[in-house]
Amino acid sequence: MTSIDPGLLALLVAFVLAGAMVNGLIGLGFSLIAVNIIAVALGTKEAIIVMSIVSPVTSGYQLWLNRSAAPLWIRLRPVIAGAFLGSLHSARSPSSSSWTGSARNGRRWRQGASGRWGPPWAS
């Protein structure tokens, strides 16, 4: 097992706490802040692994603290079901899209049938 430098560990803990503070203040943003900083320190793959372990814990704690809002959750069942189904679809077929993810001029472009790159409406 490799050891982590104490200074790096303190930095990681500080940014996780900063992300948790933002999440506590506005209700979201934990991963938006923490994963980017952790990715710089550890690498992208390791940051995703760390956040996939830490995020459910912090979200579960926040859910437990706000359990008195359960009647609101009943009204949100269609939204939650749609998000769940969309996540399953995206996880099952991430490469089925023709989008390349490369941004040119602030827009996403793709390679059309002619082999030329362009916006999706020009293929």
C-alpha atoms as a PDB file:
ATOM      1  CA  MET A   1       0.000   0.000   0.000  1.00  0.00           C
ATOM      2  CA  THR A   2       1.354   3.406  -0.916  1.00  0.00           C
ATOM      3  CA  SER A   3       1.485   6.197   1.610  1.00  0.00           C
ATOM      4  CA  ILE A   4       0.126   9.691   1.024  1.00  0.00           C
ATOM      5  CA  ASP A   5       2.135  12.753   1.887  1.00  0.00           C
ATOM      6  CA  PRO A   6       0.589  14.407   4.993  1.00  0.00           C
ATOM      7  CA  GLY A   7       0.532  17.807   3.277  1.00  0.00           C
ATOM      8  CA  LEU A   8      -1.360  16.365   0.300  1.00  0.00           C
ATOM      9  CA  LEU A   9      -3.770  14.604   2.625  1.00  0.00           C
ATOM     10  CA  ALA A  10      -4.427  17.856   4.500  1.00  0.00           C
ATOM     11  CA  LEU A  11      -5.031  19.646   1.193  1.00  0.00           C
ATOM     12  CA  LEU A  12      -7.465  16.964   0.036  1.00  0.00           C
ATOM     13  CA  VAL A  13      -9.356  17.068   3.324  1.00  0.00           C
ATOM     14  CA  ALA A  14      -9.533  20.874   3.128  1.00  0.00           C
ATOM     15  CA  PHE A  15     -11.059  20.792  -0.350  1.00  0.00           C
ATOM     16  CA  VAL A  16     -13.502  18.038   0.566  1.00  0.00           C
ATOM     17  CA  LEU A  17     -14.589  20.181   3.521  1.00  0.00           C
ATOM     18  CA  ALA A  18     -14.908  23.225   1.251  1.00  0.00           C
ATOM     19  CA  GLY A  19     -17.092  21.220  -1.127  1.00  0.00           C
ATOM     20  CA  ALA A  20     -19.169  19.969   1.790  1.00  0.00           C
ATOM     21  CA  MET A  21     -19.603  23.532   3.056  1.00  0.00           C
ATOM     22  CA  VAL A  22     -20.854  24.716  -0.329  1.00  0.00           C
ATOM     23  CA  ASN A  23     -23.155  21.697  -0.493  1.00  0.00           C
ATOM     24  CA  GLY A  24     -24.522  22.537   2.932  1.00  0.00           C
ATOM     25  CA  LEU A  25     -25.094  26.179   2.023  1.00  0.00           C
ATOM     26  CA  ILE A  26     -26.763  25.812  -1.368  1.00  0.00           C
ATOM     27  CA  GLY A  27     -27.664  22.128  -1.512  1.00  0.00           C
ATOM     28  CA  LEU A  28     -25.353  21.115  -4.350  1.00  0.00           C
ATOM     29  CA  GLY A  29     -21.827  21.585  -5.557  1.00  0.00           C
ATOM     30  CA  PHE A  30     -19.916  19.099  -3.431  1.00  0.00           C
ATOM     31  CA  SER A  31     -18.645  17.067  -6.352  1.00  0.00           C
ATOM     32  CA  LEU A  32     -18.303  20.119  -8.573  1.00  0.00           C
ATOM     33  CA  ILE A  33     -15.721  21.565  -6.234  1.00  0.00           C
ATOM     34  CA  ALA A  34     -14.079  18.569  -4.637  1.00  0.00           C
ATOM     35  CA  VAL A  35     -13.583  16.278  -7.644  1.00  0.00           C
ATOM     36  CA  ASN A  36     -11.752  18.899  -9.686  1.00  0.00           C
ATOM     37  CA  ILE A  37      -9.268  19.693  -6.959  1.00  0.00           C
ATOM     38  CA  ILE A  38      -8.783  16.030  -6.081  1.00  0.00           C
ATOM     39  CA  ALA A  39      -8.216  15.254  -9.770  1.00  0.00           C
ATOM     40  CA  VAL A  40      -5.380  17.766  -9.868  1.00  0.00           C
ATOM     41  CA  ALA A  41      -3.780  16.209  -6.795  1.00  0.00           C
ATOM     42  CA  LEU A  42      -4.378  12.504  -7.437  1.00  0.00           C
ATOM     43  CA  GLY A  43      -5.444  12.112 -11.068  1.00  0.00           C
ATOM     44  CA  THR A  44      -8.824  11.831 -12.729  1.00  0.00           C
ATOM     45  CA  LYS A  45      -9.407   8.121 -12.207  1.00  0.00           C
ATOM     46  CA  GLU A  46      -8.517   8.243  -8.529  1.00  0.00           C
ATOM     47  CA  ALA A  47     -10.618  11.380  -7.999  1.00  0.00           C
ATOM     48  CA  ILE A  48     -13.683   9.682  -9.446  1.00  0.00           C
ATOM     49  CA  ILE A  49     -13.119   6.646  -7.246  1.00  0.00           C
ATOM     50  CA  VAL A  50     -12.693   8.803  -4.131  1.00  0.00           C
ATOM     51  CA  MET A  51     -15.786  10.884  -4.906  1.00  0.00           C
ATOM     52  CA  SER A  52     -17.887   7.796  -5.661  1.00  0.00           C
ATOM     53  CA  ILE A  53     -17.122   6.671  -2.107  1.00  0.00           C
ATOM     54  CA  VAL A  54     -17.456  10.054  -0.362  1.00  0.00           C
ATOM     55  CA  SER A  55     -20.461  11.536  -2.208  1.00  0.00           C
ATOM     56  CA  PRO A  56     -23.052   8.920  -1.152  1.00  0.00           C
ATOM     57  CA  VAL A  57     -21.960   9.340   2.460  1.00  0.00           C
ATOM     58  CA  THR A  58     -22.396  13.116   2.425  1.00  0.00           C
ATOM     59  CA  SER A  59     -25.618  12.933   0.408  1.00  0.00           C
ATOM     60  CA  GLY A  60     -26.994  10.250   2.724  1.00  0.00           C
ATOM     61  CA  TYR A  61     -26.178  12.386   5.746  1.00  0.00           C
ATOM     62  CA  GLN A  62     -27.919  15.370   4.176  1.00  0.00           C
ATOM     63  CA  LEU A  63     -30.906  13.169   3.331  1.00  0.00           C
ATOM     64  CA  TRP A  64     -31.054  11.964   6.937  1.00  0.00           C
ATOM     65  CA  LEU A  65     -30.950  15.515   8.275  1.00  0.00           C
ATOM     66  CA  ASN A  66     -33.804  16.570   5.983  1.00  0.00           C
ATOM     67  CA  ARG A  67     -35.995  13.500   6.412  1.00  0.00           C
ATOM     68  CA  SER A  68     -38.821  15.721   7.673  1.00  0.00           C
ATOM     69  CA  ALA A  69     -39.336  16.814   4.049  1.00  0.00           C
ATOM     70  CA  ALA A  70     -40.499  13.302   3.064  1.00  0.00           C
ATOM     71  CA  PRO A  71     -43.951  14.522   1.899  1.00  0.00           C
ATOM     72  CA  LEU A  72     -42.151  16.572  -0.756  1.00  0.00           C
ATOM     73  CA  TRP A  73     -40.353  13.456  -2.011  1.00  0.00           C
ATOM     74  CA  ILE A  74     -43.705  11.862  -2.843  1.00  0.00           C
ATOM     75  CA  ARG A  75     -44.469  14.712  -5.235  1.00  0.00           C
ATOM     76  CA  LEU A  76     -41.032  14.331  -6.813  1.00  0.00           C
ATOM     77  CA  ARG A  77     -41.394  10.618  -7.637  1.00  0.00           C
ATOM     78  CA  PRO A  78     -41.812  11.211 -11.407  1.00  0.00           C
ATOM     79  CA  VAL A  79     -38.682  13.381 -11.487  1.00  0.00           C
ATOM     80  CA  ILE A  80     -36.677  10.844  -9.485  1.00  0.00           C
ATOM     81  CA  ALA A  81     -37.909   7.982 -11.688  1.00  0.00           C
ATOM     82  CA  GLY A  82     -36.966   9.917 -14.835  1.00  0.00           C
ATOM     83  CA  ALA A  83     -33.509  10.687 -13.491  1.00  0.00           C
ATOM     84  CA  PHE A  84     -33.020   7.040 -12.549  1.00  0.00           C
ATOM     85  CA  LEU A  85     -34.103   5.773 -15.974  1.00  0.00           C
ATOM     86  CA  GLY A  86     -31.966   8.374 -17.746  1.00  0.00           C
ATOM     87  CA  SER A  87     -28.956   7.368 -15.667  1.00  0.00           C
ATOM     88  CA  LEU A  88     -29.511   3.706 -16.500  1.00  0.00           C
ATOM     89  CA  HIS A  89     -29.800   4.498 -20.198  1.00  0.00           C
ATOM     90  CA  SER A  90     -26.659   6.630 -20.216  1.00  0.00           C
ATOM     91  CA  ALA A  91     -24.673   4.098 -18.215  1.00  0.00           C
ATOM     92  CA  ARG A  92     -25.745   1.276 -20.492  1.00  0.00           C
ATOM     93  CA  SER A  93     -24.907   2.923 -23.799  1.00  0.00           C
ATOM     94  CA  PRO A  94     -22.416   5.778 -23.428  1.00  0.00           C
ATOM     95  CA  SER A  95     -20.842   5.233 -26.838  1.00  0.00           C
ATOM     96  CA  SER A  96     -24.081   5.082 -28.821  1.00  0.00           C
ATOM     97  CA  SER A  97     -24.095   8.840 -29.329  1.00  0.00           C
ATOM     98  CA  SER A  98     -22.521  10.347 -32.405  1.00  0.00           C
ATOM     99  CA  TRP A  99     -21.275  13.320 -30.383  1.00  0.00           C
ATOM    100  CA  THR A 100     -17.545  13.465 -29.998  1.00  0.00           C
ATOM    101  CA  GLY A 101     -17.367  15.785 -27.041  1.00  0.00           C
ATOM    102  CA  SER A 102     -14.911  18.077 -28.767  1.00  0.00           C
ATOM    103  CA  ALA A 103     -15.938  21.696 -28.564  1.00  0.00           C
ATOM    104  CA  ARG A 104     -15.310  24.035 -31.445  1.00  0.00           C
ATOM    105  CA  ASN A 105     -16.470  27.626 -31.218  1.00  0.00           C
ATOM    106  CA  GLY A 106     -18.278  26.848 -27.979  1.00  0.00           C
ATOM    107  CA  ARG A 107     -20.519  24.196 -29.545  1.00  0.00           C
ATOM    108  CA  ARG A 108     -20.292  20.457 -29.791  1.00  0.00           C
ATOM    109  CA  TRP A 109     -19.551  19.180 -33.244  1.00  0.00           C
ATOM    110  CA  ARG A 110     -19.692  15.724 -34.752  1.00  0.00           C
ATOM    111  CA  GLN A 111     -18.442  13.909 -37.809  1.00  0.00           C
ATOM    112  CA  GLY A 112     -21.205  13.568 -40.366  1.00  0.00           C
ATOM    113  CA  ALA A 113     -21.805  10.847 -42.938  1.00  0.00           C
ATOM    114  CA  SER A 114     -19.599  12.683 -45.453  1.00  0.00           C
ATOM    115  CA  GLY A 115     -16.648  12.446 -43.062  1.00  0.00           C
ATOM    116  CA  ARG A 116     -16.521  16.211 -42.512  1.00  0.00           C
ATOM    117  CA  TRP A 117     -16.772  17.798 -39.078  1.00  0.00           C
ATOM    118  CA  GLY A 118     -19.606  20.179 -38.418  1.00  0.00           C
ATOM    119  CA  PRO A 119     -22.542  21.033 -36.200  1.00  0.00           C
ATOM    120  CA  PRO A 120     -25.226  18.344 -35.811  1.00  0.00           C
ATOM    121  CA  TRP A 121     -27.734  20.166 -38.004  1.00  0.00           C
ATOM    122  CA  ALA A 122     -25.358  20.345 -40.980  1.00  0.00           C
ATOM    123  CA  SER A 123     -24.752  16.638 -41.626  1.00  0.00           C
END
